[in-house]
Every structure is written in C-alpha cells, then in structure tokens.
Amino acid sequence: MQKTFYNNLKQECKNKESRLCVGLDIDYKLLPESFNKTLEGAFDFLKMVIDSTSDLCVAYKPNIAFYESMGVSGWNSLQKTLNYIPDNIFIIADAKRGDIGNSSKYYAEAIFNHLNFDSITVSPYMGFDSIYPFTSYKDKGVFILALTSNPGSENFQKKLIKSEALYKHVINLSNRLNEYDNVGIVVGATNVEYLDEINKISKSLPWLMPGVGTQGGDLKKSIIIGEENFLSLVNVSRGILRAGDGSINAIRKKTEIYTKEIRKIL
C-alpha cells in the first residue's frame, strides 16, 4: 500500500479499532478544582488527558484559538503539549486557516514545518489558491470545512449556487484538490439529514466530524456512513475533557465508553 496521509490514517484506525479524535479545546479558567487555573495547570491537565486516552484515540485536535488568546505563553504551552503527544497519534491543527496564496504559504509553513502538525483544518471561502499551499505538502493532511455543526452554517454553506448548495461546490473542489490522497472534509455530525447526500459526492475523502457529544451529533450514523468507501474520524472535545468531575478516572471511563460504542458499531 502506498504511504499517503490517508493510508497512514486508515492503518492507525485499524490498529486501534477506533475512529476517535479527542479535541484539546482547553480553557484554563474551566479546569477541574484539582488543577491550578493557569497555563501550567492547563498543561498538567492535558498531560493527564493524553496519558489516559492515547491508547484509545487515533488523533488529537488542539484548537489553536485557545492558545493564541494567551500570546507567546500560549504558543509555548501549545508546543509543550505537541511534544508530549506520542508519535503514533495524528495531531490535527484546528486552525481554520485560508488566505491569499502567499499568506497561506506561510501559514502552512508555520503549522507543518515549525509546529510539525500532521494535518490542519482550512476554510475554503477564498478558493483554490488559498488551499493549495496546504495540500502541496504531500505527507500532511488537510481537512476542508464543508458542512459544519454550528448554527451559522445556514448563512452560507446551504445557500444555492446554480441550484446546488455551496457546501457541495466545496466538496467538489476538495475532490479536485486531492492529488496526493491527503485531503478530507469537515462535516458536522449534527447534519444527520445531509450525510447520505454528502456520501454520494465526496468519493474517498475522509471526514472529520465534530459535533458528537455535547452538541448531540449522531455517533452511529457518523461511523457507518460511507464505511465501505472511506473513514469518518469522530471528534469529541467537551464530552471527554469535562467528563464527570474531570478526574483521570472520569476521563478514562468516558473515553472507554466512546471506544466501546465505536467498536460495537464497526
């Protein structure tokens, strides 16, 4: 099998019998009582999360905004967190970048060369030339926002252009950009009524699916959709990070519940 981002991801999913991605959307102000409400406390908490979930999940997805909001100290904390994650786990930068080509070139360089993320989420609004600098990294993954789980997705993503919804144009563009088998799409798990239609046009693109857990997305539907043609990576953030009392036992138990359910569905 050719070594591509997608094939490597599929192999790791097979090895762990999992589709679980844990979102590291850390807010140090909301840490459990046993942790200091500081960046250092947040790092200690994330170490605990990683220690208790790394054998069950396929990927981690740090949300860059939570770190950017804290300036240089936040970036240093992000780097420490990235260094702590085991090498065999994919790391997705939830950055939603997407600018004119020259700017995207440097965004890609920062995410892939300096921070050494395995993949990134990008916004397609500015078109082909804003995405290509990311997809040109053949061994790195790019998840393009197609149909997201937030209420505001109605504002643009479902609007018709020549009788076809905008998100479908985005998926068609994603198919064309998938020259190196390293492009996927972001599809909110809350969009249950659209999943079959997206399956028909997304070919072999992997899906990154936020919205399971706190937002009420359908886990079973998210897993089985398109299983013969591609895999869907199910992201859970608050549902795991804020499980129970936030202890290592509560986080581990919740992760095991998701893993058991995923394996049952598979």
Protein backbone atom coordinates (compact mmCIF):
# COMPACT_ATOMS: atom_id res chain seq x y z
CA MET A 1 0.00 0.00 0.00
CA GLN A 2 1.32 3.43 -0.93
CA LYS A 3 2.26 5.55 2.07
CA THR A 4 -0.02 8.57 1.96
CA PHE A 5 -1.55 10.63 4.75
CA TYR A 6 -4.90 8.91 4.27
CA ASN A 7 -3.49 5.38 4.12
CA ASN A 8 -1.44 6.01 7.24
CA LEU A 9 -4.56 7.30 9.00
CA LYS A 10 -6.58 4.26 7.91
CA GLN A 11 -3.87 1.93 9.17
CA GLU A 12 -3.82 3.58 12.59
CA CYS A 13 -7.62 3.36 12.77
CA LYS A 14 -7.33 -0.33 12.01
CA ASN A 15 -4.57 -0.87 14.56
CA LYS A 16 -6.59 0.72 17.36
CA GLU A 17 -10.04 -0.37 16.17
CA SER A 18 -11.07 3.23 16.62
CA ARG A 19 -12.28 6.38 14.89
CA LEU A 20 -11.95 8.63 17.93
CA CYS A 21 -10.32 12.06 17.81
CA VAL A 22 -10.07 13.94 21.11
CA GLY A 23 -10.37 17.70 20.80
CA LEU A 24 -7.98 19.58 23.09
CA ASP A 25 -10.09 22.74 23.41
CA ILE A 26 -8.51 23.75 26.68
CA ASP A 27 -9.72 26.73 28.71
CA TYR A 28 -7.65 27.02 31.87
CA LYS A 29 -10.47 29.01 33.56
CA LEU A 30 -12.66 25.90 33.40
CA LEU A 31 -10.16 23.37 34.73
CA PRO A 32 -11.27 20.92 37.43
CA GLU A 33 -10.79 22.11 41.01
CA SER A 34 -7.71 19.96 41.50
CA PHE A 35 -5.74 21.96 38.89
CA ASN A 36 -4.35 25.48 39.09
CA LYS A 37 -6.25 27.94 36.88
CA THR A 38 -3.08 28.84 34.99
CA LEU A 39 -1.31 27.82 31.78
CA GLU A 40 0.85 25.48 33.83
CA GLY A 41 -2.27 23.93 35.32
CA ALA A 42 -3.76 23.55 31.83
CA PHE A 43 -0.64 21.75 30.64
CA ASP A 44 -0.75 19.41 33.65
CA PHE A 45 -4.41 18.69 32.88
CA LEU A 46 -3.69 17.96 29.21
CA LYS A 47 -0.86 15.63 30.16
CA MET A 48 -3.36 13.71 32.28
CA VAL A 49 -5.85 13.63 29.38
CA ILE A 50 -3.20 12.35 26.97
CA ASP A 51 -1.94 9.74 29.43
CA SER A 52 -5.45 8.40 29.95
CA THR A 53 -6.64 8.40 26.32
CA SER A 54 -3.65 7.89 24.00
CA ASP A 55 -4.07 4.12 23.73
CA LEU A 56 -7.69 4.51 22.60
CA CYS A 57 -7.81 7.53 20.30
CA VAL A 58 -6.41 7.91 16.80
CA ALA A 59 -5.91 11.67 16.84
CA TYR A 60 -5.80 14.79 18.97
CA LYS A 61 -7.13 18.12 17.73
CA PRO A 62 -5.82 21.17 19.60
CA ASN A 63 -7.87 24.29 18.90
CA ILE A 64 -5.31 26.97 18.08
CA ALA A 65 -7.57 29.81 19.28
CA PHE A 66 -7.31 28.74 22.91
CA TYR A 67 -3.52 29.08 22.73
CA GLU A 68 -3.34 32.21 20.53
CA SER A 69 -5.54 34.06 23.03
CA MET A 70 -2.74 33.78 25.61
CA GLY A 71 0.01 35.25 23.43
CA VAL A 72 3.57 33.96 23.49
CA SER A 73 2.96 31.96 26.67
CA GLY A 74 0.08 30.20 24.92
CA TRP A 75 2.24 29.28 21.95
CA ASN A 76 4.88 27.88 24.29
CA SER A 77 2.23 25.84 26.07
CA LEU A 78 0.98 24.52 22.71
CA GLN A 79 4.50 23.43 21.76
CA LYS A 80 4.92 21.63 25.07
CA THR A 81 1.61 19.85 24.53
CA LEU A 82 2.54 18.82 20.99
CA ASN A 83 5.87 17.47 22.23
CA TYR A 84 4.08 15.39 24.85
CA ILE A 85 1.75 13.59 22.42
CA PRO A 86 3.04 10.12 21.39
CA ASP A 87 4.49 9.90 17.87
CA ASN A 88 1.98 7.33 16.63
CA ILE A 89 -1.02 9.63 17.13
CA PHE A 90 -2.13 12.08 14.45
CA ILE A 91 -2.31 15.72 15.50
CA ILE A 92 -4.79 17.98 13.73
CA ALA A 93 -4.40 21.76 13.99
CA ASP A 94 -7.90 23.14 14.40
CA ALA A 95 -6.82 26.45 12.88
CA LYS A 96 -9.31 27.06 10.05
CA ARG A 97 -6.75 28.96 8.02
CA GLY A 98 -7.40 30.23 4.48
CA ASP A 99 -5.92 33.37 2.98
CA ILE A 100 -4.49 34.51 -0.37
CA GLY A 101 -1.86 32.13 -1.70
CA ASN A 102 1.27 33.84 -0.40
CA SER A 103 -0.15 34.20 3.11
CA SER A 104 -1.37 30.59 3.11
CA LYS A 105 2.12 29.50 2.11
CA TYR A 106 3.48 30.91 5.38
CA TYR A 107 0.55 29.62 7.44
CA ALA A 108 1.31 26.16 6.06
CA GLU A 109 4.99 26.54 6.82
CA ALA A 110 4.21 27.51 10.43
CA ILE A 111 1.78 24.65 11.02
CA PHE A 112 3.64 21.88 9.21
CA ASN A 113 7.34 22.77 9.37
CA HIS A 114 7.68 24.60 12.68
CA LEU A 115 4.90 23.16 14.84
CA ASN A 116 5.02 19.81 12.99
CA PHE A 117 1.28 19.13 12.96
CA ASP A 118 0.17 16.18 10.83
CA SER A 119 -2.86 17.98 9.43
CA ILE A 120 -4.94 21.14 9.59
CA THR A 121 -8.48 22.44 9.11
CA VAL A 122 -8.81 25.13 6.44
CA SER A 123 -11.54 27.48 5.26
CA PRO A 124 -12.41 27.31 1.53
CA TYR A 125 -14.04 30.75 1.23
CA MET A 126 -11.15 32.30 -0.75
CA GLY A 127 -10.91 29.39 -3.17
CA PHE A 128 -8.34 27.09 -4.74
CA ASP A 129 -5.25 29.28 -4.39
CA SER A 130 -5.84 29.73 -0.64
CA ILE A 131 -5.90 25.95 -0.06
CA TYR A 132 -3.26 24.62 -2.44
CA PRO A 133 -0.27 25.76 -0.33
CA PHE A 134 -1.50 23.33 2.35
CA THR A 135 -2.32 20.40 0.06
CA SER A 136 1.07 20.69 -1.64
CA TYR A 137 2.61 19.12 1.48
CA LYS A 138 2.15 15.57 0.22
CA ASP A 139 2.58 13.83 3.57
CA LYS A 140 0.32 16.22 5.52
CA GLY A 141 -3.48 16.15 5.78
CA VAL A 142 -5.88 18.98 5.00
CA PHE A 143 -9.49 18.94 6.22
CA ILE A 144 -11.56 21.50 4.33
CA LEU A 145 -14.64 22.96 6.01
CA ALA A 146 -17.65 21.70 4.07
CA LEU A 147 -20.79 21.49 6.23
CA THR A 148 -20.11 22.45 9.82
CA SER A 149 -22.08 21.81 13.00
CA ASN A 150 -22.59 25.43 14.14
CA PRO A 151 -25.94 27.24 13.64
CA GLY A 152 -24.29 29.87 11.41
CA SER A 153 -23.59 27.24 8.74
CA GLU A 154 -27.03 28.17 7.41
CA ASN A 155 -25.75 31.64 6.45
CA PHE A 156 -23.57 30.41 3.58
CA GLN A 157 -22.96 26.67 3.40
CA LYS A 158 -26.50 25.66 2.44
CA LYS A 159 -27.18 28.57 0.07
CA LEU A 160 -27.82 27.59 -3.54
CA ILE A 161 -25.48 28.46 -6.40
CA LYS A 162 -26.95 27.37 -9.74
CA SER A 163 -29.39 25.11 -7.86
CA GLU A 164 -26.62 23.42 -5.87
CA ALA A 165 -25.76 24.12 -2.22
CA LEU A 166 -22.44 25.86 -1.60
CA TYR A 167 -21.13 23.01 0.55
CA LYS A 168 -21.43 20.71 -2.48
CA HIS A 169 -19.25 23.06 -4.53
CA VAL A 170 -16.71 22.91 -1.69
CA ILE A 171 -16.74 19.10 -1.73
CA ASN A 172 -16.26 19.04 -5.50
CA LEU A 173 -13.29 21.38 -5.11
CA SER A 174 -11.93 19.11 -2.36
CA ASN A 175 -12.12 16.14 -4.72
CA ARG A 176 -10.12 18.05 -7.33
CA LEU A 177 -7.50 19.09 -4.78
CA ASN A 178 -6.95 15.52 -3.56
CA GLU A 179 -3.99 14.90 -5.86
CA TYR A 180 -1.84 13.34 -3.13
CA ASP A 181 -4.53 11.45 -1.18
CA ASN A 182 -4.20 13.94 1.67
CA VAL A 183 -7.46 15.94 1.52
CA GLY A 184 -10.52 15.40 3.69
CA ILE A 185 -13.62 17.40 4.62
CA VAL A 186 -15.13 18.65 7.86
CA VAL A 187 -18.73 17.52 8.23
CA GLY A 188 -20.67 18.27 11.40
CA ALA A 189 -22.21 15.16 12.94
CA THR A 190 -25.32 17.19 13.71
CA ASN A 191 -26.17 17.35 9.98
CA VAL A 192 -27.74 13.90 10.01
CA GLU A 193 -30.19 14.54 7.17
CA TYR A 194 -27.36 15.60 4.82
CA LEU A 195 -24.88 12.77 5.43
CA ASP A 196 -26.16 10.37 2.77
CA GLU A 197 -26.08 13.07 0.11
CA ILE A 198 -22.54 14.11 1.08
CA ASN A 199 -21.50 10.46 0.92
CA LYS A 200 -22.60 10.29 -2.71
CA ILE A 201 -20.34 13.12 -3.86
CA SER A 202 -17.32 13.02 -1.54
CA LYS A 203 -15.77 9.96 -3.20
CA SER A 204 -12.97 8.62 -0.97
CA LEU A 205 -12.36 11.78 1.07
CA PRO A 206 -12.08 11.10 4.81
CA TRP A 207 -14.41 13.07 7.06
CA LEU A 208 -13.53 14.88 10.26
CA MET A 209 -16.77 15.00 12.22
CA PRO A 210 -17.18 17.37 15.17
CA GLY A 211 -20.50 17.64 16.97
CA VAL A 212 -20.71 14.25 18.70
CA GLY A 213 -21.18 14.52 22.45
CA THR A 214 -22.18 17.89 23.89
CA GLN A 215 -23.66 19.12 20.58
CA GLY A 216 -25.78 15.97 20.23
CA GLY A 217 -24.43 14.56 16.94
CA ASP A 218 -25.32 11.00 15.94
CA LEU A 219 -22.34 8.74 16.71
CA LYS A 220 -23.69 5.64 14.98
CA LYS A 221 -24.63 7.48 11.80
CA SER A 222 -21.25 9.24 11.80
CA ILE A 223 -19.37 5.94 11.97
CA ILE A 224 -21.29 3.83 9.47
CA ILE A 225 -21.74 6.49 6.79
CA GLY A 226 -19.61 5.55 3.82
CA GLU A 227 -17.70 2.90 5.76
CA GLU A 228 -17.10 0.89 2.60
CA ASN A 229 -15.50 3.82 0.78
CA PHE A 230 -13.79 5.98 3.40
CA LEU A 231 -13.48 6.54 7.12
CA SER A 232 -15.00 9.19 9.32
CA LEU A 233 -12.96 10.48 12.24
CA VAL A 234 -15.28 11.40 15.10
CA ASN A 235 -14.15 14.31 17.25
CA VAL A 236 -15.23 14.64 20.88
CA SER A 237 -13.97 17.60 22.90
CA ARG A 238 -16.03 18.77 25.86
CA GLY A 239 -17.70 15.38 26.16
CA ILE A 240 -14.37 13.93 27.26
CA LEU A 241 -12.47 16.89 28.73
CA ARG A 242 -15.36 17.77 31.05
CA ALA A 243 -16.45 14.23 31.87
CA GLY A 244 -17.70 13.77 35.41
CA ASP A 245 -15.51 15.52 37.96
CA GLY A 246 -12.67 15.96 35.46
CA SER A 247 -10.55 13.33 37.16
CA ILE A 248 -8.34 10.87 35.31
CA ASN A 249 -10.82 8.10 36.16
CA ALA A 250 -13.80 10.04 34.78
CA ILE A 251 -11.98 10.97 31.57
CA ARG A 252 -10.72 7.43 31.08
CA LYS A 253 -14.16 5.97 31.68
CA LYS A 254 -15.82 8.32 29.20
CA THR A 255 -13.17 7.58 26.56
CA GLU A 256 -13.67 3.85 27.09
CA ILE A 257 -17.43 4.29 26.64
CA TYR A 258 -16.94 6.06 23.30
CA THR A 259 -14.38 3.48 22.19
CA LYS A 260 -16.62 0.57 23.13
CA GLU A 261 -19.53 2.11 21.24
CA ILE A 262 -17.38 2.80 18.16
CA ARG A 263 -16.10 -0.78 18.13
CA LYS A 264 -19.62 -2.10 18.53
CA ILE A 265 -20.76 -0.04 15.53
CA LEU A 266 -17.79 -1.12 13.44
